[in-house]
C-alpha atoms as a PDB file:
ATOM      1  CA  UNK A   1       0.344  -0.299  -0.017  1.00  0.00           C
ATOM      2  CA  UNK A   2       1.206   3.733  -0.388  1.00  0.00           C
ATOM      3  CA  UNK A   3       2.777   5.658   2.347  1.00  0.00           C
ATOM      4  CA  UNK A   4       0.403   7.732   3.218  1.00  0.00           C
ATOM      5  CA  UNK A   5       0.180  10.761   6.137  1.00  0.00           C
ATOM      6  CA  UNK A   6      -2.979   9.732   7.938  1.00  0.00           C
ATOM      7  CA  UNK A   7      -2.645  12.656  10.782  1.00  0.00           C
ATOM      8  CA  UNK A   8      -3.539  14.933   9.058  1.00  0.00           C
ATOM      9  CA  UNK A   9      -7.199  17.010   7.182  1.00  0.00           C
ATOM     10  CA  UNK A  10      -7.748  16.025   3.660  1.00  0.00           C
ATOM     11  CA  UNK A  11     -10.232  17.505   1.679  1.00  0.00           C
ATOM     12  CA  UNK A  12     -13.658  14.832   1.190  1.00  0.00           C
ATOM     13  CA  UNK A  13     -16.145  17.005  -0.818  1.00  0.00           C
ATOM     14  CA  UNK A  14     -17.568  20.292  -1.374  1.00  0.00           C
ATOM     15  CA  UNK A  15     -20.201  21.617   0.901  1.00  0.00           C
ATOM     16  CA  UNK A  16     -22.044  21.741  -1.835  1.00  0.00           C
ATOM     17  CA  UNK A  17     -22.156  18.074  -2.614  1.00  0.00           C
ATOM     18  CA  UNK A  18     -23.193  16.718   1.008  1.00  0.00           C
ATOM     19  CA  UNK A  19     -26.625  17.100   2.185  1.00  0.00           C
ATOM     20  CA  UNK A  20     -29.477  15.055   4.230  1.00  0.00           C
ATOM     21  CA  UNK A  21     -29.026  11.467   2.241  1.00  0.00           C
ATOM     22  CA  UNK A  22     -25.978   9.010   2.252  1.00  0.00           C
ATOM     23  CA  UNK A  23     -22.951   9.639  -0.192  1.00  0.00           C
ATOM     24  CA  UNK A  24     -19.945   7.566  -0.443  1.00  0.00           C
ATOM     25  CA  UNK A  25     -16.247   9.135  -0.472  1.00  0.00           C
ATOM     26  CA  UNK A  26     -12.579   7.073  -0.495  1.00  0.00           C
ATOM     27  CA  UNK A  27      -9.770   8.597   1.099  1.00  0.00           C
ATOM     28  CA  UNK A  28      -6.796   6.931   1.638  1.00  0.00           C
ATOM     29  CA  UNK A  29      -7.869   3.351   0.426  1.00  0.00           C
ATOM     30  CA  UNK A  30     -11.061   3.443   2.784  1.00  0.00           C
ATOM     31  CA  UNK A  31     -14.390   4.187   1.867  1.00  0.00           C
ATOM     32  CA  UNK A  32     -16.733   6.732   3.528  1.00  0.00           C
ATOM     33  CA  UNK A  33     -20.276   7.139   3.696  1.00  0.00           C
ATOM     34  CA  UNK A  34     -20.898  10.772   4.211  1.00  0.00           C
ATOM     35  CA  UNK A  35     -24.356  12.620   5.129  1.00  0.00           C
ATOM     36  CA  UNK A  36     -25.414  16.063   6.823  1.00  0.00           C
ATOM     37  CA  UNK A  37     -27.397  15.571  10.174  1.00  0.00           C
ATOM     38  CA  UNK A  38     -30.857  17.474  10.522  1.00  0.00           C
ATOM     39  CA  UNK A  39     -29.022  20.077  11.825  1.00  0.00           C
ATOM     40  CA  UNK A  40     -26.717  20.254   8.926  1.00  0.00           C
ATOM     41  CA  UNK A  41     -23.331  19.465  11.053  1.00  0.00           C
ATOM     42  CA  UNK A  42     -21.582  16.727   8.493  1.00  0.00           C
ATOM     43  CA  UNK A  43     -21.194  13.402   9.734  1.00  0.00           C
ATOM     44  CA  UNK A  44     -18.597  10.491   8.134  1.00  0.00           C
ATOM     45  CA  UNK A  45     -18.492   6.987   8.914  1.00  0.00           C
ATOM     46  CA  UNK A  46     -16.725   3.785   7.838  1.00  0.00           C
ATOM     47  CA  UNK A  47     -18.906   2.718   4.671  1.00  0.00           C
ATOM     48  CA  UNK A  48     -19.067  -1.399   6.386  1.00  0.00           C
ATOM     49  CA  UNK A  49     -21.358  -3.010   9.105  1.00  0.00           C
ATOM     50  CA  UNK A  50     -19.952  -4.598  11.103  1.00  0.00           C
ATOM     51  CA  UNK A  51     -21.741  -7.551  11.012  1.00  0.00           C
ATOM     52  CA  UNK A  52     -21.596  -9.083   7.076  1.00  0.00           C
ATOM     53  CA  UNK A  53     -19.319  -5.639   5.818  1.00  0.00           C
ATOM     54  CA  UNK A  54     -22.825  -4.893   3.981  1.00  0.00           C
ATOM     55  CA  UNK A  55     -21.790  -1.332   2.887  1.00  0.00           C
ATOM     56  CA  UNK A  56     -24.061   1.389   4.850  1.00  0.00           C
ATOM     57  CA  UNK A  57     -24.263   3.529   1.754  1.00  0.00           C
ATOM     58  CA  UNK A  58     -26.819   1.213   0.450  1.00  0.00           C
ATOM     59  CA  UNK A  59     -28.929   1.293   4.200  1.00  0.00           C
ATOM     60  CA  UNK A  60     -30.954   4.436   4.887  1.00  0.00           C
ATOM     61  CA  UNK A  61     -30.921   7.192   6.930  1.00  0.00           C
ATOM     62  CA  UNK A  62     -33.083   6.850  10.355  1.00  0.00           C
ATOM     63  CA  UNK A  63     -33.500  10.753  11.342  1.00  0.00           C
ATOM     64  CA  UNK A  64     -29.709  11.208  11.954  1.00  0.00           C
ATOM     65  CA  UNK A  65     -28.465   7.658  12.288  1.00  0.00           C
ATOM     66  CA  UNK A  66     -27.805   5.004   9.615  1.00  0.00           C
ATOM     67  CA  UNK A  67     -29.748   1.998   9.131  1.00  0.00           C
ATOM     68  CA  UNK A  68     -28.048  -0.913   7.353  1.00  0.00           C
ATOM     69  CA  UNK A  69     -29.727  -2.384   4.264  1.00  0.00           C
ATOM     70  CA  UNK A  70     -28.529  -5.689   5.087  1.00  0.00           C
ATOM     71  CA  UNK A  71     -29.752  -6.562   8.603  1.00  0.00           C
ATOM     72  CA  UNK A  72     -30.939  -3.732   9.791  1.00  0.00           C
ATOM     73  CA  UNK A  73     -28.085  -2.676  12.493  1.00  0.00           C
ATOM     74  CA  UNK A  74     -28.104   1.108  12.582  1.00  0.00           C
ATOM     75  CA  UNK A  75     -25.513   3.543  13.509  1.00  0.00           C
ATOM     76  CA  UNK A  76     -25.791   6.933  15.346  1.00  0.00           C
ATOM     77  CA  UNK A  77     -23.234   9.991  13.861  1.00  0.00           C
ATOM     78  CA  UNK A  78     -20.385   8.833  16.394  1.00  0.00           C
ATOM     79  CA  UNK A  79     -20.207   4.729  14.784  1.00  0.00           C
ATOM     80  CA  UNK A  80     -22.030   3.382  17.678  1.00  0.00           C
ATOM     81  CA  UNK A  81     -24.874   1.053  17.391  1.00  0.00           C
ATOM     82  CA  UNK A  82     -28.047   2.084  18.634  1.00  0.00           C
ATOM     83  CA  UNK A  83     -30.524  -1.034  17.403  1.00  0.00           C
ATOM     84  CA  UNK A  84     -29.922  -4.506  16.486  1.00  0.00           C
ATOM     85  CA  UNK A  85     -32.818  -6.425  15.431  1.00  0.00           C
ATOM     86  CA  UNK A  86     -33.809  -8.873  17.507  1.00  0.00           C
ATOM     87  CA  UNK A  87     -31.782  -7.712  20.825  1.00  0.00           C
ATOM     88  CA  UNK A  88     -33.426  -5.872  23.289  1.00  0.00           C
ATOM     89  CA  UNK A  89     -29.877  -3.789  23.498  1.00  0.00           C
ATOM     90  CA  UNK A  90     -26.710  -4.093  21.752  1.00  0.00           C
ATOM     91  CA  UNK A  91     -23.211  -4.923  22.778  1.00  0.00           C
ATOM     92  CA  UNK A  92     -21.513  -1.526  23.062  1.00  0.00           C
ATOM     93  CA  UNK A  93     -18.156  -3.410  21.641  1.00  0.00           C
ATOM     94  CA  UNK A  94     -20.917  -3.159  17.999  1.00  0.00           C
ATOM     95  CA  UNK A  95     -19.622  -0.151  16.576  1.00  0.00           C
ATOM     96  CA  UNK A  96     -18.373   1.462  13.411  1.00  0.00           C
ATOM     97  CA  UNK A  97     -15.380   3.788  12.966  1.00  0.00           C
ATOM     98  CA  UNK A  98     -16.588   7.765  12.831  1.00  0.00           C
ATOM     99  CA  UNK A  99     -14.079   9.802  10.922  1.00  0.00           C
ATOM    100  CA  UNK A 100     -13.806  13.510  12.483  1.00  0.00           C
ATOM    101  CA  UNK A 101     -14.752  16.787   9.768  1.00  0.00           C
ATOM    102  CA  UNK A 102     -14.597  20.655   9.461  1.00  0.00           C
ATOM    103  CA  UNK A 103     -15.526  22.850   7.063  1.00  0.00           C
ATOM    104  CA  UNK A 104     -13.300  25.182   5.519  1.00  0.00           C
ATOM    105  CA  UNK A 105     -13.422  27.259   2.310  1.00  0.00           C
ATOM    106  CA  UNK A 106     -16.511  25.721   0.882  1.00  0.00           C
ATOM    107  CA  UNK A 107     -14.891  21.966   1.328  1.00  0.00           C
ATOM    108  CA  UNK A 108     -15.744  19.436   3.832  1.00  0.00           C
ATOM    109  CA  UNK A 109     -12.656  17.792   5.568  1.00  0.00           C
ATOM    110  CA  UNK A 110     -11.996  14.495   7.461  1.00  0.00           C
ATOM    111  CA  UNK A 111      -9.209  13.527   9.825  1.00  0.00           C
ATOM    112  CA  UNK A 112      -7.938  10.215   8.447  1.00  0.00           C
ATOM    113  CA  UNK A 113      -5.937   9.211  11.662  1.00  0.00           C
ATOM    114  CA  UNK A 114      -5.770   8.796  15.820  1.00  0.00           C
ATOM    115  CA  UNK A 115      -9.255  11.596  16.599  1.00  0.00           C
ATOM    116  CA  UNK A 116      -7.895  12.370  19.057  1.00  0.00           C
ATOM    117  CA  UNK A 117      -5.128  14.475  17.599  1.00  0.00           C
ATOM    118  CA  UNK A 118      -7.524  16.028  15.387  1.00  0.00           C
ATOM    119  CA  UNK A 119      -7.598  19.535  16.104  1.00  0.00           C
ATOM    120  CA  UNK A 120     -10.319  22.377  13.749  1.00  0.00           C
ATOM    121  CA  UNK A 121      -8.786  25.346  14.546  1.00  0.00           C
ATOM    122  CA  UNK A 122      -5.993  23.850  11.963  1.00  0.00           C
ATOM    123  CA  UNK A 123      -7.873  23.056   8.879  1.00  0.00           C
ATOM    124  CA  UNK A 124      -6.622  25.323   5.792  1.00  0.00           C
ATOM    125  CA  UNK A 125      -8.132  28.124   5.625  1.00  0.00           C
ATOM    126  CA  UNK A 126      -6.784  31.216   3.595  1.00  0.00           C
ATOM    127  CA  UNK A 127      -7.301  34.311   4.671  1.00  0.00           C
ATOM    128  CA  UNK A 128      -8.376  36.059   1.104  1.00  0.00           C
ATOM    129  CA  UNK A 129     -11.294  33.910   1.042  1.00  0.00           C
ATOM    130  CA  UNK A 130     -13.275  36.257   3.476  1.00  0.00           C
ATOM    131  CA  UNK A 131     -11.613  39.301   2.509  1.00  0.00           C
ATOM    132  CA  UNK A 132     -14.243  41.230   0.490  1.00  0.00           C
ATOM    133  CA  UNK A 133     -12.130  42.515  -2.067  1.00  0.00           C
ATOM    134  CA  UNK A 134     -11.378  39.381  -3.669  1.00  0.00           C
ATOM    135  CA  UNK A 135     -14.444  36.873  -5.263  1.00  0.00           C
ATOM    136  CA  UNK A 136     -14.200  33.223  -5.299  1.00  0.00           C
ATOM    137  CA  UNK A 137     -14.999  30.740  -8.361  1.00  0.00           C
ATOM    138  CA  UNK A 138     -15.428  27.687  -7.761  1.00  0.00           C
ATOM    139  CA  UNK A 139     -14.302  24.790  -9.867  1.00  0.00           C
ATOM    140  CA  UNK A 140     -14.876  21.093 -10.073  1.00  0.00           C
ATOM    141  CA  UNK A 141     -13.764  18.002  -8.153  1.00  0.00           C
ATOM    142  CA  UNK A 142     -11.318  16.744 -11.345  1.00  0.00           C
ATOM    143  CA  UNK A 143     -10.634  12.644 -10.989  1.00  0.00           C
ATOM    144  CA  UNK A 144      -7.318  12.279 -12.280  1.00  0.00           C
ATOM    145  CA  UNK A 145      -6.112   8.941 -12.887  1.00  0.00           C
ATOM    146  CA  UNK A 146      -2.337   9.002 -11.648  1.00  0.00           C
ATOM    147  CA  UNK A 147      -1.410   9.068  -8.093  1.00  0.00           C
ATOM    148  CA  UNK A 148      -2.031  12.031  -5.831  1.00  0.00           C
ATOM    149  CA  UNK A 149       1.916  12.694  -5.550  1.00  0.00           C
ATOM    150  CA  UNK A 150       2.597  13.267  -9.295  1.00  0.00           C
ATOM    151  CA  UNK A 151      -0.173  15.789  -9.261  1.00  0.00           C
ATOM    152  CA  UNK A 152       1.542  17.068  -6.014  1.00  0.00           C
ATOM    153  CA  UNK A 153       5.419  16.841  -8.240  1.00  0.00           C
ATOM    154  CA  UNK A 154       3.047  19.273 -10.979  1.00  0.00           C
ATOM    155  CA  UNK A 155       1.545  21.747  -8.647  1.00  0.00           C
ATOM    156  CA  UNK A 156       5.597  22.160  -6.936  1.00  0.00           C
ATOM    157  CA  UNK A 157       7.123  22.960 -10.980  1.00  0.00           C
ATOM    158  CA  UNK A 158       6.519  26.491 -12.200  1.00  0.00           C
ATOM    159  CA  UNK A 159       9.050  24.518 -15.139  1.00  0.00           C
ATOM    160  CA  UNK A 160       6.626  22.670 -17.035  1.00  0.00           C
ATOM    161  CA  UNK A 161       3.683  25.618 -17.718  1.00  0.00           C
ATOM    162  CA  UNK A 162       5.082  26.893 -20.579  1.00  0.00           C
ATOM    163  CA  UNK A 163       5.276  23.612 -22.210  1.00  0.00           C
ATOM    164  CA  UNK A 164       1.819  22.498 -21.527  1.00  0.00           C
ATOM    165  CA  UNK A 165      -0.096  25.125 -20.955  1.00  0.00           C
ATOM    166  CA  UNK A 166       0.321  28.074 -23.423  1.00  0.00           C
ATOM    167  CA  UNK A 167      -2.821  28.509 -24.614  1.00  0.00           C
ATOM    168  CA  UNK A 168      -3.787  29.582 -20.666  1.00  0.00           C
ATOM    169  CA  UNK A 169      -1.483  30.382 -18.648  1.00  0.00           C
ATOM    170  CA  UNK A 170       1.874  30.972 -20.513  1.00  0.00           C
ATOM    171  CA  UNK A 171       3.638  32.864 -22.816  1.00  0.00           C
ATOM    172  CA  UNK A 172       6.648  31.672 -25.701  1.00  0.00           C
ATOM    173  CA  UNK A 173      10.106  32.282 -24.854  1.00  0.00           C
ATOM    174  CA  UNK A 174      10.327  31.807 -20.688  1.00  0.00           C
ATOM    175  CA  UNK A 175      11.452  28.283 -20.422  1.00  0.00           C
ATOM    176  CA  UNK A 176      14.843  29.192 -19.374  1.00  0.00           C
ATOM    177  CA  UNK A 177      12.903  31.749 -16.290  1.00  0.00           C
ATOM    178  CA  UNK A 178      14.751  31.152 -12.911  1.00  0.00           C
ATOM    179  CA  UNK A 179      13.295  29.319 -10.142  1.00  0.00           C
ATOM    180  CA  UNK A 180      13.275  29.371  -7.207  1.00  0.00           C
ATOM    181  CA  UNK A 181      12.919  27.167  -4.091  1.00  0.00           C
ATOM    182  CA  UNK A 182      12.312  26.866   0.154  1.00  0.00           C
ATOM    183  CA  UNK A 183      10.904  25.074   2.441  1.00  0.00           C
ATOM    184  CA  UNK A 184       8.961  26.179   5.353  1.00  0.00           C
ATOM    185  CA  UNK A 185       8.390  24.151   8.419  1.00  0.00           C
ATOM    186  CA  UNK A 186       5.639  21.601   6.149  1.00  0.00           C
ATOM    187  CA  UNK A 187       5.399  23.457   3.174  1.00  0.00           C
ATOM    188  CA  UNK A 188       7.587  23.990   0.312  1.00  0.00           C
ATOM    189  CA  UNK A 189       7.329  27.641  -1.531  1.00  0.00           C
ATOM    190  CA  UNK A 190       8.826  27.377  -5.582  1.00  0.00           C
ATOM    191  CA  UNK A 191       8.397  30.647  -7.555  1.00  0.00           C
ATOM    192  CA  UNK A 192       9.820  32.104  -9.979  1.00  0.00           C
ATOM    193  CA  UNK A 193       9.224  36.257 -11.608  1.00  0.00           C
ATOM    194  CA  UNK A 194       8.980  37.119 -15.590  1.00  0.00           C
ATOM    195  CA  UNK A 195       9.889  40.575 -16.442  1.00  0.00           C
ATOM    196  CA  UNK A 196       8.692  42.911 -18.843  1.00  0.00           C
ATOM    197  CA  UNK A 197       6.541  40.082 -21.096  1.00  0.00           C
ATOM    198  CA  UNK A 198       2.431  39.834 -22.441  1.00  0.00           C
ATOM    199  CA  UNK A 199       0.168  38.780 -20.314  1.00  0.00           C
ATOM    200  CA  UNK A 200      -0.755  35.490 -20.058  1.00  0.00           C
ATOM    201  CA  UNK A 201      -3.516  34.648 -21.856  1.00  0.00           C
ATOM    202  CA  UNK A 202      -6.417  33.705 -19.070  1.00  0.00           C
ATOM    203  CA  UNK A 203      -5.600  37.072 -17.854  1.00  0.00           C
ATOM    204  CA  UNK A 204      -6.118  38.966 -21.316  1.00  0.00           C
ATOM    205  CA  UNK A 205      -9.458  41.371 -21.425  1.00  0.00           C
ATOM    206  CA  UNK A 206      -9.741  41.365 -16.832  1.00  0.00           C
ATOM    207  CA  UNK A 207      -7.479  44.570 -16.561  1.00  0.00           C
ATOM    208  CA  UNK A 208      -5.695  46.775 -19.347  1.00  0.00           C
ATOM    209  CA  UNK A 209      -2.287  47.574 -18.604  1.00  0.00           C
ATOM    210  CA  UNK A 210      -1.209  49.435 -21.720  1.00  0.00           C
ATOM    211  CA  UNK A 211       1.638  47.323 -23.132  1.00  0.00           C
ATOM    212  CA  UNK A 212       3.838  43.989 -20.908  1.00  0.00           C
ATOM    213  CA  UNK A 213       3.863  43.085 -17.507  1.00  0.00           C
ATOM    214  CA  UNK A 214       5.721  42.004 -14.528  1.00  0.00           C
ATOM    215  CA  UNK A 215       3.806  38.171 -13.396  1.00  0.00           C
ATOM    216  CA  UNK A 216       4.774  36.655 -11.051  1.00  0.00           C
ATOM    217  CA  UNK A 217       4.136  32.829  -9.634  1.00  0.00           C
ATOM    218  CA  UNK A 218       4.335  31.822  -6.191  1.00  0.00           C
ATOM    219  CA  UNK A 219       3.023  27.955  -5.626  1.00  0.00           C
ATOM    220  CA  UNK A 220       3.177  26.941  -2.330  1.00  0.00           C
ATOM    221  CA  UNK A 221       2.844  23.170  -1.204  1.00  0.00           C
ATOM    222  CA  UNK A 222       1.318  22.676   1.876  1.00  0.00           C
ATOM    223  CA  UNK A 223       2.063  18.843   2.494  1.00  0.00           C
ATOM    224  CA  UNK A 224       0.352  16.748   2.421  1.00  0.00           C
ATOM    225  CA  UNK A 225      -2.427  17.667  -0.214  1.00  0.00           C
ATOM    226  CA  UNK A 226      -3.356  21.197  -0.448  1.00  0.00           C
ATOM    227  CA  UNK A 227      -1.649  24.342  -2.624  1.00  0.00           C
ATOM    228  CA  UNK A 228      -2.040  27.288  -2.790  1.00  0.00           C
ATOM    229  CA  UNK A 229      -0.626  29.624  -6.282  1.00  0.00           C
ATOM    230  CA  UNK A 230      -0.620  32.889  -5.772  1.00  0.00           C
ATOM    231  CA  UNK A 231      -0.283  34.576  -9.408  1.00  0.00           C
ATOM    232  CA  UNK A 232      -0.626  38.095 -10.858  1.00  0.00           C
ATOM    233  CA  UNK A 233       0.832  40.608 -12.655  1.00  0.00           C
ATOM    234  CA  UNK A 234       1.582  44.630 -12.959  1.00  0.00           C
ATOM    235  CA  UNK A 235       2.757  47.224 -15.519  1.00  0.00           C
ATOM    236  CA  UNK A 236       6.313  46.379 -16.268  1.00  0.00           C
ATOM    237  CA  UNK A 237       8.954  48.848 -14.918  1.00  0.00           C
ATOM    238  CA  UNK A 238       6.381  50.126 -11.450  1.00  0.00           C
ATOM    239  CA  UNK A 239       7.735  48.204  -8.563  1.00  0.00           C
ATOM    240  CA  UNK A 240       6.003  44.618  -8.231  1.00  0.00           C
ATOM    241  CA  UNK A 241       8.661  42.433  -7.423  1.00  0.00           C
ATOM    242  CA  UNK A 242       9.735  44.910  -4.433  1.00  0.00           C
ATOM    243  CA  UNK A 243       6.085  44.418  -3.217  1.00  0.00           C
ATOM    244  CA  UNK A 244       4.620  46.627  -4.551  1.00  0.00           C
ATOM    245  CA  UNK A 245       0.954  45.397  -6.079  1.00  0.00           C
ATOM    246  CA  UNK A 246      -1.930  48.062  -6.061  1.00  0.00           C
ATOM    247  CA  UNK A 247      -3.020  48.082  -9.370  1.00  0.00           C
ATOM    248  CA  UNK A 248      -1.898  44.514 -10.312  1.00  0.00           C
ATOM    249  CA  UNK A 249      -4.056  41.721 -11.262  1.00  0.00           C
ATOM    250  CA  UNK A 250      -3.962  38.469  -8.287  1.00  0.00           C
ATOM    251  CA  UNK A 251      -5.140  35.222  -8.189  1.00  0.00           C
ATOM    252  CA  UNK A 252      -4.826  32.631  -5.896  1.00  0.00           C
ATOM    253  CA  UNK A 253      -5.944  28.972  -7.822  1.00  0.00           C
ATOM    254  CA  UNK A 254      -6.407  26.859  -4.706  1.00  0.00           C
ATOM    255  CA  UNK A 255      -5.745  23.112  -5.286  1.00  0.00           C
ATOM    256  CA  UNK A 256      -7.363  20.246  -2.474  1.00  0.00           C
ATOM    257  CA  UNK A 257      -6.083  16.843  -3.652  1.00  0.00           C
ATOM    258  CA  UNK A 258      -8.183  14.028  -2.565  1.00  0.00           C
ATOM    259  CA  UNK A 259      -5.607  11.104  -2.451  1.00  0.00           C
ATOM    260  CA  UNK A 260      -8.138   8.098  -3.318  1.00  0.00           C
ATOM    261  CA  UNK A 261      -5.726   4.922  -3.707  1.00  0.00           C
ATOM    262  CA  UNK A 262      -2.585   4.247  -5.511  1.00  0.00           C
ATOM    263  CA  UNK A 263      -3.561   5.670  -8.735  1.00  0.00           C
ATOM    264  CA  UNK A 264      -6.015   8.089  -8.064  1.00  0.00           C
ATOM    265  CA  UNK A 265      -6.871  11.371  -7.271  1.00  0.00           C
ATOM    266  CA  UNK A 266      -9.369  14.238  -7.025  1.00  0.00           C
ATOM    267  CA  UNK A 267      -8.265  17.761  -7.659  1.00  0.00           C
ATOM    268  CA  UNK A 268     -10.701  20.452  -6.136  1.00  0.00           C
ATOM    269  CA  UNK A 269     -10.107  23.314  -7.083  1.00  0.00           C
ATOM    270  CA  UNK A 270     -11.142  26.998  -6.669  1.00  0.00           C
ATOM    271  CA  UNK A 271      -9.747  30.433  -7.367  1.00  0.00           C
ATOM    272  CA  UNK A 272     -10.043  33.562  -5.320  1.00  0.00           C
ATOM    273  CA  UNK A 273      -9.185  36.902  -7.388  1.00  0.00           C
ATOM    274  CA  UNK A 274      -8.900  40.433  -6.600  1.00  0.00           C
ATOM    275  CA  UNK A 275     -12.079  41.684  -8.482  1.00  0.00           C
ATOM    276  CA  UNK A 276     -15.770  41.891  -7.871  1.00  0.00           C
ATOM    277  CA  UNK A 277     -17.713  38.206  -8.842  1.00  0.00           C
ATOM    278  CA  UNK A 278     -19.119  38.731 -12.274  1.00  0.00           C
ATOM    279  CA  UNK A 279     -21.213  35.581 -13.571  1.00  0.00           C
ATOM    280  CA  UNK A 280     -19.693  36.214 -17.971  1.00  0.00           C
ATOM    281  CA  UNK A 281     -16.157  36.862 -16.293  1.00  0.00           C
ATOM    282  CA  UNK A 282     -16.090  34.249 -13.972  1.00  0.00           C
ATOM    283  CA  UNK A 283     -17.322  31.328 -16.176  1.00  0.00           C
ATOM    284  CA  UNK A 284     -14.488  31.990 -18.853  1.00  0.00           C
ATOM    285  CA  UNK A 285     -12.338  31.453 -16.237  1.00  0.00           C
ATOM    286  CA  UNK A 286     -13.673  28.714 -14.628  1.00  0.00           C
ATOM    287  CA  UNK A 287     -13.820  27.673 -18.521  1.00  0.00           C
ATOM    288  CA  UNK A 288      -9.847  28.192 -18.981  1.00  0.00           C
ATOM    289  CA  UNK A 289      -9.009  27.138 -16.208  1.00  0.00           C
ATOM    290  CA  UNK A 290     -10.720  24.178 -16.750  1.00  0.00           C
ATOM    291  CA  UNK A 291      -8.955  23.494 -19.877  1.00  0.00           C
ATOM    292  CA  UNK A 292      -5.099  24.145 -18.234  1.00  0.00           C
ATOM    293  CA  UNK A 293      -6.515  21.748 -15.729  1.00  0.00           C
ATOM    294  CA  UNK A 294      -7.240  18.840 -18.151  1.00  0.00           C
ATOM    295  CA  UNK A 295      -4.184  19.737 -19.120  1.00  0.00           C
ATOM    296  CA  UNK A 296      -1.819  18.752 -16.605  1.00  0.00           C
ATOM    297  CA  UNK A 297      -4.361  15.383 -16.185  1.00  0.00           C
ATOM    298  CA  UNK A 298      -3.866  14.072 -19.952  1.00  0.00           C
ATOM    299  CA  UNK A 299      -0.323  15.206 -19.130  1.00  0.00           C
ATOM    300  CA  UNK A 300      -0.181  12.755 -15.432  1.00  0.00           C
ATOM    301  CA  UNK A 301      -2.501  10.151 -16.732  1.00  0.00           C
ATOM    302  CA  UNK A 302      -0.326   9.005 -19.478  1.00  0.00           C
ATOM    303  CA  UNK A 303       2.757   9.452 -16.982  1.00  0.00           C
ATOM    304  CA  UNK A 304       0.594   7.044 -14.878  1.00  0.00           C
ATOM    305  CA  UNK A 305       0.309   4.180 -17.752  1.00  0.00           C
ATOM    306  CA  UNK A 306       3.730   4.385 -17.914  1.00  0.00           C
ATOM    307  CA  UNK A 307       4.716   3.970 -14.414  1.00  0.00           C
ATOM    308  CA  UNK A 308       2.597   1.095 -14.536  1.00  0.00           C
ATOM    309  CA  UNK A 309       5.002  -0.690 -17.244  1.00  0.00           C
ATOM    310  CA  UNK A 310       7.503  -3.207 -15.549  1.00  0.00           C
ATOM    311  CA  UNK A 311      10.944  -1.687 -16.821  1.00  0.00           C
ATOM    312  CA  UNK A 312      14.880  -2.062 -15.982  1.00  0.00           C
ATOM    313  CA  UNK A 313      15.460   1.721 -15.923  1.00  0.00           C
ATOM    314  CA  UNK A 314      14.809   4.427 -13.543  1.00  0.00           C
ATOM    315  CA  UNK A 315      13.588   8.387 -13.981  1.00  0.00           C
ATOM    316  CA  UNK A 316      16.538  10.919 -13.866  1.00  0.00           C
ATOM    317  CA  UNK A 317      16.344  13.827 -11.921  1.00  0.00           C
ATOM    318  CA  UNK A 318      16.807  17.361 -13.077  1.00  0.00           C
ATOM    319  CA  UNK A 319      17.444  20.461 -11.365  1.00  0.00           C
ATOM    320  CA  UNK A 320      13.790  21.394 -11.950  1.00  0.00           C
ATOM    321  CA  UNK A 321      12.880  18.392  -9.652  1.00  0.00           C
ATOM    322  CA  UNK A 322      14.037  19.687  -6.709  1.00  0.00           C
ATOM    323  CA  UNK A 323      10.812  21.101  -5.132  1.00  0.00           C
ATOM    324  CA  UNK A 324       9.069  18.116  -5.498  1.00  0.00           C
ATOM    325  CA  UNK A 325      12.135  16.132  -3.865  1.00  0.00           C
ATOM    326  CA  UNK A 326      11.112  18.618  -0.874  1.00  0.00           C
ATOM    327  CA  UNK A 327       7.680  18.082  -0.751  1.00  0.00           C
ATOM    328  CA  UNK A 328       7.753  13.989  -1.232  1.00  0.00           C
ATOM    329  CA  UNK A 329      10.585  14.096   1.463  1.00  0.00           C
ATOM    330  CA  UNK A 330       7.799  15.894   3.472  1.00  0.00           C
ATOM    331  CA  UNK A 331       5.069  13.755   3.276  1.00  0.00           C
ATOM    332  CA  UNK A 332       7.608  10.593   4.144  1.00  0.00           C
ATOM    333  CA  UNK A 333       8.747  12.035   7.235  1.00  0.00           C
ATOM    334  CA  UNK A 334       4.953  12.776   7.938  1.00  0.00           C
ATOM    335  CA  UNK A 335       3.820   9.385   7.215  1.00  0.00           C
ATOM    336  CA  UNK A 336       6.877   7.946   8.863  1.00  0.00           C
ATOM    337  CA  UNK A 337       5.749  10.121  12.158  1.00  0.00           C
ATOM    338  CA  UNK A 338       2.289   8.625  12.820  1.00  0.00           C
ATOM    339  CA  UNK A 339       1.797   5.063  10.666  1.00  0.00           C
ATOM    340  CA  UNK A 340      -1.669   3.715  10.095  1.00  0.00           C
ATOM    341  CA  UNK A 341      -4.623   4.759  12.032  1.00  0.00           C
ATOM    342  CA  UNK A 342      -5.215   2.529  15.015  1.00  0.00           C
ATOM    343  CA  UNK A 343      -8.527  -0.141  14.643  1.00  0.00           C
END
């Protein structure tokens, strides 16, 4: 099995997709049944009845409890069995695992490790999400048939953009732009500046700078599965690299990755932009980013197919891999520190 860091908050689903009905998600190779209580809280249980292992998700909700669709054992939101047919009182030992949940940035998050260590205050939240100067463009839950660390590599790597995203996020002639990187605790930051170049296609029509711009890309990867890309543009020569960005386009592309299993992940994404919500502009931006992320998906799934083939030689490493090597090292450290949760 893949090495996972269990003691971490992982994105489970968009909040908009969870209601008072049973639905399922798979995280770190574990099947989870999810629903909202009548009061609106999110409950998450292991999707297997301990009697015959029938998935609870094929049962039904009885108020805020889940009734197994095979023999009627019923479990509350904490996983305690509250009813067992033919028994006046179910044994106290009969229960299913309950997972701590929280909500932030339009997402439901789930804690996959030791429940006693789950701290809702540590759920990821970007301050700009609540800033009235920014508007939110929610995206999709994009399934990617590739290991989540392969997607993480991609989200630590500005160098691929000019080759993969020529019609959306890049401009030609910048292949050799210098890339910087550093580790900050359990985060890797990778960045580069493109000085005196044209707007990237996805920014066209958002603001007229009357010429070339200076643009930045800061990739913040929070291990094990969160990436935030701060990217923007300001009129060239106005001091943006020194921090003078009052008159600029700025966006935060947030990528919340759900590791499903060794060969599958889900990429939940949204964008914060420093301009008001506008249905036409937002839909155009959403469509452009869907195109860009589908371009990544196509490459990553092709890589996964090659990784699944037996071969005698190993992949090479280049200097541009430094950030992803740091990121994978952090995930390994986190996985080694906690290991899988107790049954």
